[in-house]
Protein backbone atom coordinates (compact mmCIF):
# COMPACT_ATOMS: atom_id res chain seq x y z
CA MET A 1 20.44 14.60 29.07
CA SER A 2 18.34 14.58 25.92
CA ARG A 3 16.16 11.64 25.07
CA SER A 4 16.14 10.38 21.50
CA THR A 5 13.27 8.55 19.88
CA PRO A 6 14.09 4.98 18.83
CA HIS A 7 13.76 4.19 15.14
CA LEU A 8 13.85 0.95 13.21
CA GLY A 9 17.48 0.36 12.30
CA HIS A 10 17.25 -2.67 10.01
CA VAL A 11 15.35 -5.84 9.17
CA HIS A 12 17.04 -9.24 9.55
CA LEU A 13 15.45 -12.04 7.52
CA LYS A 14 16.12 -15.75 7.72
CA ILE A 15 16.08 -17.16 4.21
CA ARG A 16 16.82 -20.42 2.37
CA ASP A 17 19.29 -19.26 -0.31
CA VAL A 18 21.49 -16.21 0.22
CA GLU A 19 22.37 -15.79 -3.47
CA ARG A 20 18.72 -15.86 -4.52
CA SER A 21 17.76 -13.35 -1.82
CA VAL A 22 20.64 -11.01 -2.61
CA ALA A 23 19.60 -11.03 -6.29
CA PHE A 24 15.97 -10.31 -5.34
CA TYR A 25 16.63 -7.46 -2.88
CA THR A 26 19.28 -5.77 -5.01
CA ASP A 27 17.06 -5.96 -8.10
CA VAL A 28 13.73 -4.94 -6.54
CA PHE A 29 14.94 -2.36 -4.01
CA ASP A 30 18.22 -1.26 -5.60
CA LEU A 31 20.07 -2.14 -2.40
CA ASP A 32 23.85 -2.55 -2.46
CA VAL A 33 25.68 -5.49 -0.91
CA ASN A 34 27.75 -3.84 1.79
CA ASP A 35 29.17 -6.89 3.54
CA ARG A 36 29.19 -10.70 3.31
CA HIS A 37 30.15 -13.27 5.94
CA GLY A 38 29.36 -16.93 5.33
CA PRO A 39 25.57 -17.32 5.31
CA PHE A 40 25.01 -13.59 5.95
CA ALA A 41 24.65 -10.71 3.50
CA PHE A 42 24.18 -7.11 4.59
CA LEU A 43 22.33 -4.85 2.14
CA SER A 44 22.26 -1.07 2.31
CA PHE A 45 20.56 1.93 0.73
CA GLY A 46 23.82 3.78 1.43
CA ASP A 47 23.49 5.65 4.71
CA HIS A 48 23.97 2.70 7.10
CA HIS A 49 26.06 -0.46 7.24
CA HIS A 50 22.85 -2.35 6.46
CA ASP A 51 19.13 -1.77 6.14
CA VAL A 52 18.35 -5.41 5.36
CA ALA A 53 20.33 -8.42 6.57
CA VAL A 54 19.67 -11.87 5.15
CA GLN A 55 20.81 -15.09 6.79
CA GLU A 56 20.76 -18.40 4.93
CA ILE A 57 19.47 -21.17 7.19
CA GLY A 58 19.15 -23.96 4.61
CA ALA A 59 17.11 -25.05 1.63
CA ASP A 60 14.84 -27.29 3.72
CA ALA A 61 14.06 -24.72 6.43
CA ALA A 62 10.37 -24.44 7.28
CA GLY A 63 8.49 -21.20 6.66
CA SER A 64 7.03 -19.13 9.48
CA GLY A 65 3.41 -20.04 8.69
CA PRO A 66 0.17 -18.10 9.06
CA GLY A 67 0.17 -17.73 12.86
CA VAL A 68 1.37 -14.96 15.12
CA GLY A 69 4.48 -13.19 13.86
CA LEU A 70 5.73 -10.46 11.59
CA TYR A 71 3.23 -9.71 8.78
CA HIS A 72 5.54 -7.65 6.58
CA ALA A 73 8.39 -5.18 6.39
CA ALA A 74 7.43 -1.93 4.63
CA PHE A 75 9.58 0.28 2.43
CA GLU A 76 8.45 3.83 1.64
CA VAL A 77 9.10 5.43 -1.75
CA GLU A 78 8.72 9.12 -2.56
CA SER A 79 6.84 9.03 -5.86
CA ARG A 80 4.36 7.19 -8.04
CA GLU A 81 7.19 6.76 -10.55
CA ALA A 82 9.28 4.88 -7.97
CA LEU A 83 6.29 2.72 -7.05
CA ARG A 84 5.67 2.02 -10.74
CA ARG A 85 9.31 1.03 -11.33
CA ILE A 86 9.20 -1.44 -8.46
CA HIS A 87 5.92 -2.87 -9.72
CA GLU A 88 7.47 -3.34 -13.18
CA THR A 89 10.47 -5.14 -11.67
CA LEU A 90 8.20 -7.43 -9.66
CA ASP A 91 6.06 -8.11 -12.73
CA GLU A 92 9.17 -9.00 -14.77
CA ARG A 93 10.16 -11.44 -12.02
CA GLY A 94 6.68 -13.02 -12.01
CA VAL A 95 6.00 -11.95 -8.42
CA ARG A 96 2.32 -11.84 -7.41
CA VAL A 97 1.48 -8.32 -6.18
CA ASP A 98 -1.61 -7.06 -4.34
CA PRO A 99 -1.94 -3.30 -5.03
CA ILE A 100 -4.04 -1.61 -2.32
CA ASP A 101 -5.12 2.02 -1.95
CA HIS A 102 -5.52 2.80 1.76
CA GLY A 103 -6.58 6.42 1.22
CA ILE A 104 -3.46 7.48 3.14
CA SER A 105 -1.11 5.44 0.96
CA GLU A 106 -0.82 3.44 -2.25
CA ALA A 107 0.79 0.12 -1.43
CA LEU A 108 2.13 -2.96 -3.17
CA TYR A 109 2.05 -6.13 -1.06
CA PHE A 110 4.09 -9.18 -2.09
CA ASP A 111 6.38 -11.90 -0.78
CA ASP A 112 10.10 -12.37 -1.26
CA PRO A 113 11.29 -15.74 -2.64
CA ASP A 114 11.09 -17.26 0.87
CA GLY A 115 7.59 -16.03 1.66
CA ASN A 116 8.60 -13.07 3.82
CA GLY A 117 5.87 -10.44 3.52
CA LEU A 118 6.88 -7.09 2.05
CA GLU A 119 5.16 -3.79 1.32
CA VAL A 120 6.29 -0.88 -0.81
CA TYR A 121 4.17 2.21 -0.37
CA ARG A 122 3.82 5.87 -1.21
CA ASP A 123 2.33 8.21 1.40
CA THR A 124 -0.71 10.03 -0.04
CA ARG A 125 -2.04 11.74 3.10
CA VAL A 126 -1.35 15.29 1.90
CA GLU A 127 -2.63 14.89 -1.66
CA ASN A 128 -5.76 13.03 -0.46
CA ASP A 129 -6.29 15.36 2.52
CA HIS A 130 -6.47 12.40 4.93
CA THR A 131 -4.52 12.47 8.15
CA GLU A 132 -5.88 9.20 9.53
CA TRP A 133 -6.62 5.83 8.01
CA GLN A 134 -10.38 5.42 7.55
CA GLY A 135 -10.31 1.66 7.02
CA MET A 136 -9.95 1.94 3.25
CA ASN A 137 -8.46 -1.10 1.50
CA GLU A 138 -9.36 -0.76 -2.18
CA PRO A 139 -7.50 -2.52 -4.98
CA PHE A 140 -6.05 -0.20 -7.61
CA ASP A 141 -4.61 -0.69 -11.08
CA PRO A 142 -0.81 -0.54 -10.78
CA MET A 143 -0.59 -0.05 -14.55
CA ALA A 144 -2.12 3.41 -13.95
CA LEU A 145 0.86 4.47 -11.83
C-alpha cells in the first residue's frame, strides 16, 4: 500500500456578507463561483470543487481578534506580473497592503473585507539563490513589480 502525502485541500472562511466576499475573492484572485447553497459559496481555480469556501454568519458576527488562531491563508503566483496585477486590483479596491521581501519570496499581506489575513506571494528562492529563509522581512516597492 502506498502512502500519499496530505496536502491542503481548501480554506473555509466564516464571513459577514457572502455577496461582498464573493465579489472580493472573484475580483482579486480570479476565482470562479462553483456552487452556492444558502449562506455558503464555493470558489474554485478550476481543478477542484472549491479552493475557498465562504460561509456567511451574520453582519454582527465578532472578528477572531489578535490572539491564537490562523494568521493568514497564502496563495502562490508564478510571476512578478501576476503579483503586480493582484496588487493593482487591491489598490483599486482601497485595500491596505504590506509588501514584504523575505529573500525567498516577495509577498503581499492584506486582509479580506472581514479581516481574514491573506498573503499572495511569488517564490524567489532560485533567482535569489536562497534555499532557506534567513529572517529577512524587508518592505519593497510594489510599484516596481
